[in-house]
Protein backbone atom coordinates (compact mmCIF):
# COMPACT_ATOMS: atom_id res chain seq x y z
CA MET A 1 -0.41 0.96 4.28
CA ASP A 2 2.32 -1.47 3.68
CA PHE A 3 1.63 -4.19 6.22
CA ILE A 4 0.34 -5.22 9.59
CA SER A 5 2.41 -7.68 11.72
CA LYS A 6 1.14 -9.63 14.68
CA SER A 7 2.72 -10.84 17.73
CA LYS A 8 1.31 -12.18 21.12
CA GLN A 9 2.51 -11.48 24.53
CA GLU A 10 0.57 -13.64 27.04
CA ASP A 11 -3.13 -12.81 26.44
CA ILE A 12 -2.34 -9.54 24.49
CA ILE A 13 -2.11 -9.17 20.73
CA VAL A 14 0.17 -6.55 19.47
CA LEU A 15 -0.47 -5.27 15.93
CA LYS A 16 2.24 -3.10 14.23
CA VAL A 17 1.20 -1.13 11.32
CA LYS A 18 3.73 0.20 8.80
CA GLY A 19 3.01 2.84 6.31
CA ASN A 20 0.40 5.54 6.06
CA ILE A 21 -3.26 4.48 6.31
CA GLN A 22 -4.97 6.10 3.48
CA HIS A 23 -8.67 6.04 2.75
CA SER A 24 -8.18 3.34 0.12
CA ASP A 25 -6.45 1.25 2.78
CA THR A 26 -9.35 1.44 5.37
CA PRO A 27 -11.19 -1.73 4.19
CA ASN A 28 -8.01 -3.85 4.42
CA PHE A 29 -7.07 -2.12 7.73
CA GLU A 30 -10.46 -2.94 9.17
CA LYS A 31 -10.48 -6.51 7.87
CA GLU A 32 -7.08 -7.09 9.57
CA LEU A 33 -8.34 -5.75 12.80
CA GLU A 34 -11.58 -7.82 12.69
CA ASN A 35 -9.57 -10.99 11.85
CA VAL A 36 -7.62 -10.57 15.10
CA ILE A 37 -10.80 -10.71 17.16
CA LEU A 38 -12.29 -13.50 15.19
CA GLU A 39 -9.25 -15.72 14.93
CA GLN A 40 -7.44 -15.12 18.11
CA ASN A 41 -10.58 -14.59 20.33
CA ILE A 42 -8.38 -12.14 22.27
CA TYR A 43 -9.77 -8.78 23.36
CA LYS A 44 -6.59 -7.08 24.70
CA ILE A 45 -4.97 -5.42 21.67
CA VAL A 46 -2.00 -2.96 21.53
CA LEU A 47 -2.08 -1.16 18.15
CA ASP A 48 1.47 0.12 17.42
CA LEU A 49 1.13 3.02 15.09
CA THR A 50 4.83 4.33 15.53
CA LEU A 51 5.58 3.62 11.83
CA VAL A 52 2.47 5.48 10.78
CA ASN A 53 2.77 9.26 9.58
CA HIS A 54 -0.77 9.74 8.44
CA ILE A 55 -4.04 8.13 9.34
CA SER A 56 -7.28 8.82 7.31
CA SER A 57 -10.66 9.80 8.84
CA SER A 58 -12.12 6.57 7.64
CA ALA A 59 -9.31 4.58 9.43
CA LEU A 60 -10.28 6.44 12.57
CA GLY A 61 -13.85 5.27 12.17
CA SER A 62 -12.72 1.68 11.84
CA LEU A 63 -10.75 2.18 15.17
CA ILE A 64 -13.77 3.46 16.86
CA ALA A 65 -15.88 0.55 15.56
CA LEU A 66 -13.28 -2.04 16.65
CA GLU A 67 -13.15 -0.26 20.13
CA ARG A 68 -16.91 -0.68 20.64
CA LYS A 69 -16.85 -4.36 19.60
CA ILE A 70 -13.95 -5.04 22.05
CA LYS A 71 -15.65 -3.20 24.83
CA ARG A 72 -18.74 -5.30 24.36
CA LYS A 73 -16.52 -8.39 24.90
CA ASN A 74 -15.10 -6.75 28.02
CA GLY A 75 -11.81 -6.08 26.28
CA ASP A 76 -9.74 -3.02 25.46
CA ILE A 77 -7.51 -1.45 22.88
CA ARG A 78 -4.26 0.64 23.53
CA LEU A 79 -2.63 2.80 20.98
CA VAL A 80 1.07 3.41 20.59
CA ILE A 81 1.72 6.66 18.77
CA THR A 82 4.99 8.82 18.50
CA GLU A 83 4.30 10.70 15.21
CA PRO A 84 3.40 14.20 16.09
CA GLU A 85 0.99 14.55 13.20
CA VAL A 86 -0.88 11.41 14.15
CA LEU A 87 -0.98 12.52 17.74
CA LYS A 88 -2.35 15.90 16.73
CA VAL A 89 -5.16 14.21 14.71
CA MET A 90 -6.01 12.10 17.83
CA GLN A 91 -6.29 15.28 19.86
CA ILE A 92 -8.20 17.55 17.35
CA THR A 93 -10.82 14.60 16.97
CA LEU A 94 -10.84 14.16 20.77
CA LEU A 95 -9.94 10.50 20.29
CA ASN A 96 -7.27 10.82 22.88
CA ARG A 97 -10.12 10.80 25.34
CA VAL A 98 -11.53 7.55 23.90
CA PHE A 99 -8.22 5.56 23.52
CA GLN A 100 -5.38 5.20 26.05
CA ILE A 101 -2.23 6.34 24.05
CA PHE A 102 1.34 5.48 24.90
CA SER A 103 4.74 6.27 23.65
CA ASN A 104 5.95 2.70 23.56
CA VAL A 105 4.57 -0.83 23.28
CA GLN A 106 5.98 -1.99 26.62
CA ASP A 107 4.01 0.69 28.60
CA ALA A 108 0.79 -0.16 26.64
CA ILE A 109 1.29 -3.87 27.41
CA GLN A 110 2.10 -3.05 31.06
CA SER A 111 -1.20 -0.93 31.45
CA TYR A 112 -3.00 -4.21 30.98
CA LYS A 113 -1.44 -5.81 34.25
CA HIS A 114 -3.31 -3.19 36.28
CA LEU A 115 -6.67 -4.01 34.59
CA LYS A 116 -8.74 -7.13 35.04
CA LEU A 117 -10.60 -8.06 31.96
């Protein structure tokens, strides 16, 4: 994983991940996600994975843990995925049933407009 950039649109945090998320990247990936919740106190998150070609199973575990924490705070997380390989992993693991997946950030952000959190 090369880096994670953060931006804010109203009460939504957008995290853009660049680079593959290998097993060795998982602790750093999880720490970055946790920091957003703790520092920003925002529970509407869009995780932009359009620049990710591979995501490890341990990183998927981190996403699930984050999703549970956010749900307990009455929040939600949206994923933006365009890479076919990453989409396939989400389908094989049935995580496409856990997370709402979008093809672009604007649609993911817009989906929060219909949700009262």
